[in-house]
Amino acid sequence: MNKLFLEIEDFYERLQVGEFDEPLALAAILQKLSDAAWVEVEELYQPATRIDA
């Protein structure tokens, strides 16, 4: 399974048991997951280069 999906599952489990009771801790982990997701999107969907002759 994809590493990011495993990290999201881990986050969800930790969230359910109340591990993120401080907004700052929750915001930090959500930012980390969001950044990782954008990196994957950029890797999967490389920009196309158009060359007109």
C-alpha atoms as a PDB file:
ATOM      1  CA  MET A   1       0.000   0.000   0.000  1.00  0.00           C
ATOM      2  CA  ASN A   2       1.075   3.571  -0.649  1.00  0.00           C
ATOM      3  CA  LYS A   3       3.089   5.201   2.160  1.00  0.00           C
ATOM      4  CA  LEU A   4       0.817   8.259   2.207  1.00  0.00           C
ATOM      5  CA  PHE A   5      -2.299   6.124   2.615  1.00  0.00           C
ATOM      6  CA  LEU A   6      -0.665   4.336   5.547  1.00  0.00           C
ATOM      7  CA  GLU A   7       0.176   7.678   7.142  1.00  0.00           C
ATOM      8  CA  ILE A   8      -3.428   8.821   6.676  1.00  0.00           C
ATOM      9  CA  GLU A   9      -4.725   5.613   8.263  1.00  0.00           C
ATOM     10  CA  ASP A  10      -2.325   6.079  11.184  1.00  0.00           C
ATOM     11  CA  PHE A  11      -3.499   9.685  11.598  1.00  0.00           C
ATOM     12  CA  TYR A  12      -7.146   8.604  11.565  1.00  0.00           C
ATOM     13  CA  GLU A  13      -6.548   5.956  14.228  1.00  0.00           C
ATOM     14  CA  ARG A  14      -4.686   8.433  16.418  1.00  0.00           C
ATOM     15  CA  LEU A  15      -7.437  11.038  15.905  1.00  0.00           C
ATOM     16  CA  GLN A  16     -10.124   8.547  16.995  1.00  0.00           C
ATOM     17  CA  VAL A  17      -8.383   7.832  20.290  1.00  0.00           C
ATOM     18  CA  GLY A  18      -8.101  11.545  21.043  1.00  0.00           C
ATOM     19  CA  GLU A  19      -4.387  11.980  20.542  1.00  0.00           C
ATOM     20  CA  PHE A  20      -4.814  15.410  18.943  1.00  0.00           C
ATOM     21  CA  ASP A  21      -6.539  17.368  21.678  1.00  0.00           C
ATOM     22  CA  GLU A  22      -4.555  20.526  20.931  1.00  0.00           C
ATOM     23  CA  PRO A  23      -5.409  22.491  17.780  1.00  0.00           C
ATOM     24  CA  LEU A  24      -1.735  23.199  17.063  1.00  0.00           C
ATOM     25  CA  ALA A  25      -0.840  19.500  17.037  1.00  0.00           C
ATOM     26  CA  LEU A  26      -3.815  18.738  14.797  1.00  0.00           C
ATOM     27  CA  ALA A  27      -2.934  21.563  12.413  1.00  0.00           C
ATOM     28  CA  ALA A  28       0.678  20.384  12.211  1.00  0.00           C
ATOM     29  CA  ILE A  29      -0.178  16.807  11.277  1.00  0.00           C
ATOM     30  CA  LEU A  30      -2.813  17.926   8.772  1.00  0.00           C
ATOM     31  CA  GLN A  31      -0.277  20.269   7.152  1.00  0.00           C
ATOM     32  CA  LYS A  32       2.257  17.434   6.943  1.00  0.00           C
ATOM     33  CA  LEU A  33      -0.269  15.112   5.293  1.00  0.00           C
ATOM     34  CA  SER A  34      -1.413  17.846   2.927  1.00  0.00           C
ATOM     35  CA  ASP A  35       2.147  18.647   1.856  1.00  0.00           C
ATOM     36  CA  ALA A  36       2.848  14.952   1.249  1.00  0.00           C
ATOM     37  CA  ALA A  37      -0.311  14.654  -0.849  1.00  0.00           C
ATOM     38  CA  TRP A  38       0.689  17.613  -3.027  1.00  0.00           C
ATOM     39  CA  VAL A  39       4.135  16.118  -3.569  1.00  0.00           C
ATOM     40  CA  GLU A  40       2.502  12.907  -4.794  1.00  0.00           C
ATOM     41  CA  VAL A  41       0.184  14.822  -7.100  1.00  0.00           C
ATOM     42  CA  GLU A  42       3.141  16.687  -8.598  1.00  0.00           C
ATOM     43  CA  GLU A  43       5.009  13.405  -9.110  1.00  0.00           C
ATOM     44  CA  LEU A  44       2.035  11.667 -10.717  1.00  0.00           C
ATOM     45  CA  TYR A  45       0.949  14.529 -12.930  1.00  0.00           C
ATOM     46  CA  GLN A  46       4.078  16.011 -14.437  1.00  0.00           C
ATOM     47  CA  PRO A  47       3.430  19.172 -16.389  1.00  0.00           C
ATOM     48  CA  ALA A  48       3.330  18.691 -20.132  1.00  0.00           C
ATOM     49  CA  THR A  49       5.653  20.737 -22.270  1.00  0.00           C
ATOM     50  CA  ARG A  50       4.222  21.943 -25.545  1.00  0.00           C
ATOM     51  CA  ILE A  51       6.616  22.745 -28.349  1.00  0.00           C
ATOM     52  CA  ASP A  52       5.187  24.397 -31.430  1.00  0.00           C
ATOM     53  CA  ALA A  53       7.273  24.011 -34.567  1.00  0.00           C
END
